[in-house]
Amino acid sequence: MALIEDLNKRFAIEGVAEIIAGNGGLPAVAVKAPNGANGTIYLHGGHVTAWTPEGAAGGEDVLWLSKKSLWQDDKPIRGGVPVCFPWFGPKKDDPAGGGAPAHGTARLRQWDLESIRQNSDGVTVTLATRSDEATRKLWPGDRTLRHRVTFGAQLTMQLEITNTGLTPVHAEEALHSYFSVGDVQRIRITGLDGVNYIDKTDGMKEKTQHGDISISAETDRVYLNTTSTVTIDDPVKGRKITITKENSKATVVWNPWIAKAKAMADFGDEEWPHMICVETCNVGPFALTIDPGESHTMTAKIRVDRA
């Protein structure tokens, strides 16, 4: 509570943004933007957990969050927008039982709150995390990871990586966005027609997308060499979620379906029909190399329209 009180003295904007004790007592920034948008970002993982734009039907959140999420400082949050860095999925050179966490270290760190600013687009919260002895044991190099999130009529997330060391930084990154949908079997995902993808559910085979994406089984695909805008058409909720991105050359689409949902302790057995991940990323063959003193910023912009 002392940390939260101190952060409020330094950063809170009365009636607009305050630092709260969130689920599990984890510190979070709760935003009520003047334009009617609401949102929440946790210092744990630099993790956006909620965003409701002005005029959203019934004030319903655009992001999906599992009711089984483990709100612990040594566990990732399930849902919202996890930050994956500096690797995606399992660490490729980690021996069995080596202990490297899936999707990197960033989503398990407590980030520093750097600023909260009100602007014409909404309210921007900036968090940062820096390499230290613990991160260097798993991934060499020195870098600062900064997450600038603007909660407004549009949700804008900017993930900036700065190489603060003397050697190149090699890394993967993803904004692992979970979206709330009425029925995943009825949605259509547009914008990736003709794009090649790696199918992780079928022996990592490379395939080509034909037409819209529909979900009828476990889905885990990495769409390659694409900068396309993607739209989730949700007839049950009567809305379209559009994801526009910058400086990202891969898009991941994921739903665990029945068996994998049951196998995850932090994912409810019956929750899979109500979520879909469409992730903005640079992974696999599009992993980054950042030279000393250089920065890279990947951006995801999300908006919601009535269907």
Protein backbone atom coordinates (compact mmCIF):
# COMPACT_ATOMS: atom_id res chain seq x y z
CA MET A 1 0.00 0.00 0.00
CA ALA A 2 2.93 2.34 0.63
CA LEU A 3 4.02 1.91 -2.98
CA ILE A 4 0.51 2.66 -4.24
CA GLU A 5 0.22 5.76 -2.06
CA ASP A 6 3.57 7.03 -3.28
CA LEU A 7 2.68 6.42 -6.94
CA ASN A 8 -0.62 8.24 -6.52
CA LYS A 9 1.16 11.26 -5.05
CA ARG A 10 3.52 11.33 -8.02
CA PHE A 11 1.31 10.37 -10.94
CA ALA A 12 -2.45 10.36 -10.23
CA ILE A 13 -4.74 12.74 -12.14
CA GLU A 14 -7.84 13.43 -10.08
CA GLY A 15 -10.95 11.94 -11.65
CA VAL A 16 -8.96 10.62 -14.59
CA ALA A 17 -6.28 8.16 -13.46
CA GLU A 18 -5.32 6.57 -10.16
CA ILE A 19 -3.10 3.76 -8.98
CA ILE A 20 -5.09 1.02 -7.23
CA ALA A 21 -4.55 -2.32 -5.55
CA GLY A 22 -5.88 -4.59 -8.27
CA ASN A 23 -6.60 -8.31 -8.21
CA GLY A 24 -4.27 -10.11 -5.82
CA GLY A 25 -3.22 -6.72 -4.48
CA LEU A 26 -1.09 -6.10 -7.57
CA PRO A 27 -0.62 -2.38 -8.37
CA ALA A 28 -2.55 -1.18 -11.42
CA VAL A 29 -3.39 2.12 -13.12
CA ALA A 30 -7.15 2.61 -13.55
CA VAL A 31 -8.12 5.14 -16.21
CA LYS A 32 -11.37 7.02 -16.78
CA ALA A 33 -10.70 9.15 -19.81
CA PRO A 34 -12.75 12.34 -20.34
CA ASN A 35 -14.03 10.94 -23.65
CA GLY A 36 -15.77 8.11 -21.78
CA ALA A 37 -13.20 5.38 -22.33
CA ASN A 38 -12.08 3.23 -19.39
CA GLY A 39 -9.04 1.01 -19.03
CA THR A 40 -6.66 -0.74 -16.66
CA ILE A 41 -2.97 -1.58 -16.93
CA TYR A 42 -1.06 -3.57 -14.31
CA LEU A 43 2.55 -2.85 -13.37
CA HIS A 44 2.95 -6.63 -13.22
CA GLY A 45 3.96 -7.47 -16.78
CA GLY A 46 3.15 -4.00 -18.13
CA HIS A 47 -0.14 -5.75 -18.79
CA VAL A 48 -3.30 -4.10 -20.17
CA THR A 49 -6.26 -5.99 -18.68
CA ALA A 50 -9.24 -3.86 -19.68
CA TRP A 51 -10.40 -1.30 -22.24
CA THR A 52 -13.91 -0.07 -22.85
CA PRO A 53 -14.26 2.67 -25.47
CA GLU A 54 -16.99 5.27 -25.30
CA GLY A 55 -20.22 3.89 -26.67
CA ALA A 56 -19.27 0.21 -26.36
CA ALA A 57 -22.44 -1.84 -26.10
CA GLY A 58 -23.45 -1.99 -22.45
CA GLY A 59 -20.03 -0.74 -21.41
CA GLU A 60 -18.67 -4.17 -22.27
CA ASP A 61 -14.92 -4.69 -22.32
CA VAL A 62 -13.27 -5.34 -25.66
CA LEU A 63 -10.57 -7.50 -24.07
CA TRP A 64 -11.09 -10.97 -22.62
CA LEU A 65 -9.81 -11.90 -19.17
CA SER A 66 -10.00 -15.39 -17.69
CA LYS A 67 -11.92 -15.82 -14.44
CA LYS A 68 -9.26 -18.38 -13.53
CA SER A 69 -6.30 -16.03 -13.97
CA LEU A 70 -3.67 -16.36 -11.24
CA TRP A 71 -3.11 -12.92 -9.76
CA GLN A 72 0.38 -13.61 -8.41
CA ASP A 73 3.64 -11.76 -8.87
CA ASP A 74 5.36 -14.95 -10.05
CA LYS A 75 2.64 -15.93 -12.56
CA PRO A 76 1.48 -14.28 -15.80
CA ILE A 77 -1.99 -12.78 -16.08
CA ARG A 78 -4.26 -14.81 -18.36
CA GLY A 79 -6.04 -12.56 -20.84
CA GLY A 80 -5.89 -8.87 -21.69
CA VAL A 81 -2.66 -8.05 -23.52
CA PRO A 82 0.42 -9.87 -22.23
CA VAL A 83 3.79 -8.50 -23.38
CA CYS A 84 5.92 -11.33 -24.77
CA PHE A 85 9.67 -10.56 -24.79
CA PRO A 86 12.48 -11.43 -25.50
CA TRP A 87 11.22 -14.76 -26.86
CA PHE A 88 7.86 -16.08 -28.01
CA GLY A 89 6.53 -19.44 -26.86
CA PRO A 90 9.06 -21.80 -25.27
CA LYS A 91 12.68 -20.63 -25.20
CA LYS A 92 14.23 -22.52 -28.07
CA ASP A 93 17.56 -23.35 -26.44
CA ASP A 94 16.17 -24.05 -22.99
CA PRO A 95 16.90 -27.62 -21.88
CA ALA A 96 14.07 -29.72 -20.48
CA GLY A 97 13.32 -28.44 -17.02
CA GLY A 98 15.61 -25.46 -17.53
CA GLY A 99 13.08 -23.12 -15.99
CA ALA A 100 12.88 -20.43 -18.67
CA PRO A 101 9.31 -19.08 -18.64
CA ALA A 102 7.14 -19.33 -21.74
CA HIS A 103 6.91 -16.08 -23.74
CA GLY A 104 9.91 -14.52 -22.02
CA THR A 105 10.52 -12.62 -18.82
CA ALA A 106 8.73 -9.32 -19.44
CA ARG A 107 5.25 -10.50 -18.46
CA LEU A 108 6.56 -11.68 -15.06
CA ARG A 109 8.35 -8.46 -14.12
CA GLN A 110 7.01 -5.55 -12.13
CA TRP A 111 7.41 -2.59 -14.45
CA ASP A 112 8.15 0.98 -13.36
CA LEU A 113 5.47 3.61 -13.83
CA GLU A 114 7.11 6.51 -15.70
CA SER A 115 4.22 8.84 -16.50
CA ILE A 116 0.47 9.38 -16.89
CA ARG A 117 -0.56 12.11 -19.31
CA GLN A 118 -3.90 13.37 -20.49
CA ASN A 119 -4.05 14.36 -24.17
CA SER A 120 -6.50 14.89 -27.00
CA ASP A 121 -6.58 11.14 -27.78
CA GLY A 122 -7.26 10.03 -24.22
CA VAL A 123 -4.93 9.12 -21.35
CA THR A 124 -1.45 7.74 -21.98
CA VAL A 125 0.25 5.54 -19.39
CA THR A 126 3.96 4.78 -19.84
CA LEU A 127 5.63 1.84 -18.08
CA ALA A 128 9.21 0.58 -18.43
CA THR A 129 11.35 -2.38 -17.45
CA ARG A 130 15.11 -2.72 -17.75
CA SER A 131 17.50 -5.63 -18.01
CA ASP A 132 19.33 -6.71 -14.86
CA GLU A 133 21.30 -9.66 -13.54
CA ALA A 134 18.20 -11.88 -13.46
CA THR A 135 17.27 -11.23 -17.11
CA ARG A 136 20.85 -11.54 -18.34
CA LYS A 137 21.05 -15.08 -16.96
CA LEU A 138 18.33 -16.07 -19.43
CA TRP A 139 18.94 -13.61 -22.28
CA PRO A 140 22.17 -11.65 -22.81
CA GLY A 141 22.30 -7.95 -23.46
CA ASP A 142 21.14 -4.67 -21.99
CA ARG A 143 17.89 -3.07 -23.05
CA THR A 144 15.00 -0.96 -21.86
CA LEU A 145 11.48 -2.07 -22.74
CA ARG A 146 8.88 0.70 -22.65
CA HIS A 147 5.12 0.29 -23.08
CA ARG A 148 3.10 3.40 -23.93
CA VAL A 149 -0.63 2.75 -23.79
CA THR A 150 -3.28 5.31 -24.72
CA PHE A 151 -6.80 4.60 -23.50
CA GLY A 152 -9.33 6.50 -25.59
CA ALA A 153 -11.89 5.92 -28.32
CA GLN A 154 -9.04 3.82 -29.75
CA LEU A 155 -6.63 1.67 -27.75
CA THR A 156 -3.07 2.37 -28.86
CA MET A 157 -0.18 0.26 -27.55
CA GLN A 158 3.42 1.14 -28.43
CA LEU A 159 6.11 -1.32 -27.39
CA GLU A 160 9.53 0.30 -27.63
CA ILE A 161 12.80 -1.62 -27.25
CA THR A 162 16.02 0.36 -26.78
CA ASN A 163 19.42 -1.32 -26.90
CA THR A 164 21.36 0.25 -24.01
CA GLY A 165 24.31 -2.14 -24.31
CA LEU A 166 27.40 -2.53 -26.46
CA THR A 167 26.33 -5.51 -28.57
CA PRO A 168 23.32 -6.12 -30.83
CA VAL A 169 20.08 -7.24 -29.17
CA HIS A 170 18.28 -10.18 -30.80
CA ALA A 171 14.70 -10.70 -29.66
CA GLU A 172 11.13 -11.66 -30.46
CA GLU A 173 8.19 -9.55 -29.31
CA ALA A 174 4.41 -9.80 -29.21
CA LEU A 175 1.40 -7.92 -27.93
CA HIS A 176 -0.55 -11.10 -27.19
CA SER A 177 -4.04 -9.53 -27.37
CA TYR A 178 -7.03 -11.56 -26.15
CA PHE A 179 -10.37 -10.30 -27.49
CA SER A 180 -13.82 -10.99 -26.08
CA VAL A 181 -16.25 -12.53 -28.59
CA GLY A 182 -19.79 -13.83 -28.35
CA ASP A 183 -19.10 -17.22 -29.96
CA VAL A 184 -15.69 -17.99 -31.48
CA GLN A 185 -17.31 -20.49 -33.86
CA ARG A 186 -19.36 -17.71 -35.46
CA ILE A 187 -16.75 -15.00 -35.88
CA ARG A 188 -14.90 -14.28 -39.10
CA ILE A 189 -11.40 -12.80 -39.22
CA THR A 190 -10.61 -10.79 -42.33
CA GLY A 191 -7.44 -9.23 -43.71
CA LEU A 192 -5.15 -12.26 -44.06
CA ASP A 193 -6.43 -13.79 -47.30
CA GLY A 194 -3.51 -15.07 -49.38
CA VAL A 195 -0.99 -14.85 -46.51
CA ASN A 196 1.24 -17.83 -45.73
CA TYR A 197 1.20 -19.14 -42.17
CA ILE A 198 2.84 -21.74 -39.95
CA ASP A 199 0.26 -24.14 -38.51
CA LYS A 200 1.48 -25.14 -35.04
CA THR A 201 -1.35 -27.67 -34.72
CA ASP A 202 -0.21 -29.55 -37.81
CA GLY A 203 3.49 -30.23 -37.42
CA MET A 204 4.58 -26.63 -38.15
CA LYS A 205 3.56 -26.99 -41.80
CA GLU A 206 3.50 -23.82 -43.88
CA LYS A 207 0.13 -23.21 -45.51
CA THR A 208 -1.70 -20.42 -47.32
CA GLN A 209 -4.83 -18.71 -46.03
CA HIS A 210 -7.75 -18.79 -48.46
CA GLY A 211 -10.54 -16.35 -47.67
CA ASP A 212 -11.63 -15.38 -44.17
CA ILE A 213 -10.46 -17.24 -41.07
CA SER A 214 -13.09 -19.26 -39.23
CA ILE A 215 -12.50 -21.19 -36.00
CA SER A 216 -13.73 -24.78 -35.75
CA ALA A 217 -10.91 -26.50 -33.83
CA GLU A 218 -7.77 -25.68 -31.88
CA THR A 219 -6.08 -22.87 -33.80
CA ASP A 220 -2.47 -21.74 -33.45
CA ARG A 221 -1.12 -19.98 -36.52
CA VAL A 222 1.74 -17.58 -37.19
CA TYR A 223 0.92 -15.49 -40.28
CA LEU A 224 4.14 -14.50 -42.01
CA ASN A 225 5.41 -11.35 -43.67
CA THR A 226 2.19 -9.43 -43.17
CA THR A 227 1.58 -5.83 -42.17
CA SER A 228 -2.14 -6.10 -42.88
CA THR A 229 -4.98 -4.65 -40.85
CA VAL A 230 -7.12 -7.43 -39.39
CA THR A 231 -10.81 -7.28 -38.43
CA ILE A 232 -12.77 -9.61 -36.14
CA ASP A 233 -16.39 -9.66 -37.30
CA ASP A 234 -18.52 -10.74 -34.31
CA PRO A 235 -22.22 -11.17 -35.22
CA VAL A 236 -23.20 -12.25 -31.69
CA LYS A 237 -21.94 -9.09 -30.01
CA GLY A 238 -22.84 -7.02 -33.07
CA ARG A 239 -19.44 -5.40 -33.42
CA LYS A 240 -16.25 -5.39 -35.44
CA ILE A 241 -12.84 -5.16 -33.76
CA THR A 242 -10.13 -3.80 -36.07
CA ILE A 243 -6.42 -4.18 -35.32
CA THR A 244 -4.05 -1.93 -37.25
CA LYS A 245 -0.32 -2.26 -36.71
CA GLU A 246 3.02 -0.62 -37.44
CA ASN A 247 6.52 -2.15 -37.55
CA SER A 248 5.15 -5.67 -37.18
CA LYS A 249 5.65 -8.37 -39.81
CA ALA A 250 3.79 -11.29 -38.22
CA THR A 251 0.31 -11.89 -36.83
CA VAL A 252 -0.66 -14.79 -34.57
CA VAL A 253 -4.21 -16.19 -34.35
CA TRP A 254 -4.89 -18.50 -31.39
CA ASN A 255 -7.73 -20.31 -29.65
CA PRO A 256 -6.99 -23.33 -27.40
CA TRP A 257 -10.31 -25.11 -28.01
CA ILE A 258 -11.59 -27.76 -25.59
CA ALA A 259 -8.71 -30.04 -24.56
CA LYS A 260 -6.02 -27.39 -24.21
CA ALA A 261 -8.34 -25.11 -22.22
CA LYS A 262 -8.95 -27.96 -19.76
CA ALA A 263 -5.20 -28.55 -19.47
CA MET A 264 -4.48 -24.96 -18.32
CA ALA A 265 -4.91 -24.20 -14.62
CA ASP A 266 -5.45 -20.49 -15.26
CA PHE A 267 -8.01 -20.95 -18.05
CA GLY A 268 -11.62 -21.96 -17.36
CA ASP A 269 -12.78 -25.18 -19.02
CA GLU A 270 -15.77 -23.45 -20.61
CA GLU A 271 -14.15 -20.12 -21.47
CA TRP A 272 -12.64 -20.94 -24.88
CA PRO A 273 -15.80 -20.11 -26.94
CA HIS A 274 -15.66 -16.50 -25.76
CA MET A 275 -12.15 -15.44 -26.75
CA ILE A 276 -9.81 -15.15 -29.70
CA CYS A 277 -6.21 -13.97 -29.77
CA VAL A 278 -5.06 -11.81 -32.68
CA GLU A 279 -1.51 -10.86 -31.84
CA THR A 280 0.72 -8.12 -33.20
CA CYS A 281 4.27 -9.45 -33.27
CA ASN A 282 7.74 -9.92 -34.68
CA VAL A 283 8.55 -13.59 -34.17
CA GLY A 284 10.31 -16.50 -35.87
CA PRO A 285 11.94 -15.35 -39.12
CA PHE A 286 10.91 -11.78 -38.28
CA ALA A 287 12.70 -11.59 -34.93
CA LEU A 288 14.45 -8.28 -34.34
CA THR A 289 18.10 -7.30 -34.33
CA ILE A 290 18.65 -3.91 -32.68
CA ASP A 291 22.09 -2.32 -32.77
CA PRO A 292 23.63 -0.54 -29.76
CA GLY A 293 21.99 2.80 -29.12
CA GLU A 294 19.11 2.05 -31.49
CA SER A 295 15.38 1.62 -30.74
CA HIS A 296 12.47 -0.22 -32.32
CA THR A 297 8.80 0.58 -31.71
CA MET A 298 5.97 -1.79 -32.60
CA THR A 299 2.45 -0.37 -32.47
CA ALA A 300 -1.01 -1.91 -32.30
CA LYS A 301 -4.12 0.24 -32.68
CA ILE A 302 -7.51 -1.22 -31.82
CA ARG A 303 -10.92 0.24 -32.54
CA VAL A 304 -14.47 -1.05 -32.30
CA ASP A 305 -17.33 -0.39 -34.71
CA ARG A 306 -20.92 -1.53 -34.70
CA ALA A 307 -21.41 -4.43 -37.07
